[in-house]
Amino acid sequence: MVSPALTTVVNPAREIGRSAARLLIDRLDGDQGPAREVVLTHQVVRRTSA
């Protein structure tokens, strides 16, 4: 659809949802610890624009 094809980053939407749900369930179960940072892997899709 676009010329040249654009380089993009694919975000793991399903894993983002799973991680968010896990954190929410932990919080609802009484985990009052400090805020946590979750780092997920991503994928760079190189196309002709790079």
N, C-alpha and C. Protein backbone atom coordinates (compact mmCIF):
# COMPACT_ATOMS: atom_id res chain seq x y z
N MET A 1 0.81 -1.19 0.00
CA MET A 1 0.00 0.00 0.00
C MET A 1 0.86 1.26 0.00
N VAL A 2 2.04 1.17 0.61
CA VAL A 2 2.91 2.33 0.71
C VAL A 2 4.21 2.02 -0.03
N SER A 3 4.70 2.99 -0.76
CA SER A 3 5.95 2.78 -1.47
C SER A 3 6.91 3.88 -1.04
N PRO A 4 8.06 3.58 -0.53
CA PRO A 4 8.60 2.24 -0.27
C PRO A 4 7.95 1.63 0.98
N ALA A 5 8.04 0.31 1.07
CA ALA A 5 7.49 -0.39 2.24
C ALA A 5 8.21 0.09 3.50
N LEU A 6 7.47 0.41 4.55
CA LEU A 6 8.03 1.01 5.76
C LEU A 6 8.52 -0.03 6.75
N THR A 7 9.67 0.26 7.35
CA THR A 7 10.18 -0.57 8.43
C THR A 7 9.27 -0.36 9.64
N THR A 8 8.93 -1.44 10.32
CA THR A 8 8.02 -1.35 11.46
C THR A 8 8.53 -2.14 12.65
N VAL A 9 7.92 -1.92 13.79
CA VAL A 9 8.19 -2.69 14.99
C VAL A 9 6.91 -3.45 15.33
N VAL A 10 7.04 -4.76 15.47
CA VAL A 10 5.90 -5.60 15.83
C VAL A 10 5.87 -5.73 17.35
N ASN A 11 4.81 -5.26 17.96
CA ASN A 11 4.64 -5.37 19.41
C ASN A 11 3.85 -6.63 19.74
N PRO A 12 4.24 -7.34 20.79
CA PRO A 12 3.56 -8.58 21.16
C PRO A 12 2.25 -8.29 21.92
N ALA A 13 1.21 -7.91 21.21
CA ALA A 13 -0.04 -7.48 21.84
C ALA A 13 -0.61 -8.53 22.81
N ARG A 14 -0.59 -9.77 22.41
CA ARG A 14 -1.15 -10.83 23.27
C ARG A 14 -0.36 -10.94 24.57
N GLU A 15 0.96 -10.88 24.49
CA GLU A 15 1.78 -10.97 25.69
C GLU A 15 1.64 -9.72 26.56
N ILE A 16 1.44 -8.57 25.95
CA ILE A 16 1.18 -7.35 26.71
C ILE A 16 -0.09 -7.52 27.53
N GLY A 17 -1.14 -8.05 26.91
CA GLY A 17 -2.40 -8.30 27.61
C GLY A 17 -2.25 -9.31 28.73
N ARG A 18 -1.51 -10.38 28.47
CA ARG A 18 -1.28 -11.39 29.51
C ARG A 18 -0.54 -10.81 30.70
N SER A 19 0.49 -10.04 30.41
CA SER A 19 1.29 -9.44 31.49
C SER A 19 0.45 -8.46 32.31
N ALA A 20 -0.34 -7.65 31.63
CA ALA A 20 -1.20 -6.70 32.32
C ALA A 20 -2.21 -7.43 33.20
N ALA A 21 -2.79 -8.50 32.68
CA ALA A 21 -3.76 -9.27 33.47
C ALA A 21 -3.09 -9.90 34.68
N ARG A 22 -1.87 -10.43 34.50
CA ARG A 22 -1.14 -11.02 35.61
C ARG A 22 -0.87 -10.00 36.71
N LEU A 23 -0.44 -8.80 36.30
CA LEU A 23 -0.17 -7.75 37.28
C LEU A 23 -1.45 -7.34 38.01
N LEU A 24 -2.55 -7.23 37.27
CA LEU A 24 -3.82 -6.86 37.89
C LEU A 24 -4.30 -7.93 38.87
N ILE A 25 -4.20 -9.17 38.48
CA ILE A 25 -4.62 -10.27 39.37
C ILE A 25 -3.77 -10.27 40.64
N ASP A 26 -2.46 -10.09 40.48
CA ASP A 26 -1.58 -10.01 41.66
C ASP A 26 -2.03 -8.89 42.58
N ARG A 27 -2.34 -7.73 42.01
CA ARG A 27 -2.75 -6.58 42.81
C ARG A 27 -4.08 -6.86 43.52
N LEU A 28 -5.01 -7.49 42.81
CA LEU A 28 -6.31 -7.82 43.40
C LEU A 28 -6.18 -8.87 44.50
N ASP A 29 -5.15 -9.72 44.40
CA ASP A 29 -4.91 -10.74 45.42
C ASP A 29 -4.18 -10.19 46.64
N GLY A 30 -3.92 -8.87 46.64
CA GLY A 30 -3.34 -8.26 47.83
C GLY A 30 -1.87 -7.89 47.71
N ASP A 31 -1.24 -8.11 46.57
CA ASP A 31 0.16 -7.73 46.39
C ASP A 31 0.25 -6.21 46.38
N GLN A 32 0.76 -5.64 47.46
CA GLN A 32 0.87 -4.19 47.58
C GLN A 32 2.32 -3.74 47.45
N GLY A 33 3.14 -4.56 46.83
CA GLY A 33 4.56 -4.24 46.67
C GLY A 33 4.75 -3.05 45.75
N PRO A 34 6.00 -2.68 45.53
CA PRO A 34 6.29 -1.54 44.67
C PRO A 34 5.88 -1.81 43.22
N ALA A 35 5.76 -0.75 42.46
CA ALA A 35 5.42 -0.89 41.04
C ALA A 35 6.49 -1.73 40.36
N ARG A 36 6.07 -2.51 39.37
CA ARG A 36 7.00 -3.36 38.63
C ARG A 36 7.04 -2.94 37.18
N GLU A 37 8.17 -3.13 36.58
CA GLU A 37 8.33 -2.86 35.16
C GLU A 37 8.45 -4.19 34.44
N VAL A 38 7.66 -4.37 33.40
CA VAL A 38 7.70 -5.59 32.61
C VAL A 38 8.30 -5.24 31.25
N VAL A 39 9.34 -5.95 30.87
CA VAL A 39 10.00 -5.72 29.59
C VAL A 39 9.73 -6.92 28.70
N LEU A 40 9.14 -6.66 27.55
CA LEU A 40 8.82 -7.73 26.60
C LEU A 40 9.67 -7.54 25.34
N THR A 41 9.91 -8.63 24.66
CA THR A 41 10.68 -8.54 23.43
C THR A 41 9.80 -8.01 22.31
N HIS A 42 10.44 -7.43 21.33
CA HIS A 42 9.74 -6.93 20.16
C HIS A 42 10.51 -7.40 18.93
N GLN A 43 9.97 -7.15 17.79
CA GLN A 43 10.61 -7.58 16.55
C GLN A 43 10.60 -6.41 15.57
N VAL A 44 11.77 -6.11 15.00
CA VAL A 44 11.87 -5.07 13.99
C VAL A 44 11.76 -5.75 12.63
N VAL A 45 10.85 -5.27 11.81
CA VAL A 45 10.66 -5.81 10.47
C VAL A 45 11.25 -4.79 9.49
N ARG A 46 12.43 -5.11 8.98
CA ARG A 46 13.11 -4.19 8.05
C ARG A 46 12.54 -4.36 6.65
N ARG A 47 12.19 -3.25 6.09
CA ARG A 47 11.68 -3.25 4.73
C ARG A 47 12.49 -2.27 3.89
N THR A 48 12.06 -1.96 2.71
CA THR A 48 12.87 -1.16 1.80
C THR A 48 13.09 0.28 2.25
N SER A 49 12.36 0.77 3.22
CA SER A 49 12.55 2.15 3.67
C SER A 49 13.77 2.29 4.58
N ALA A 50 14.31 1.18 5.05
CA ALA A 50 15.44 1.23 5.98
C ALA A 50 16.76 1.41 5.27
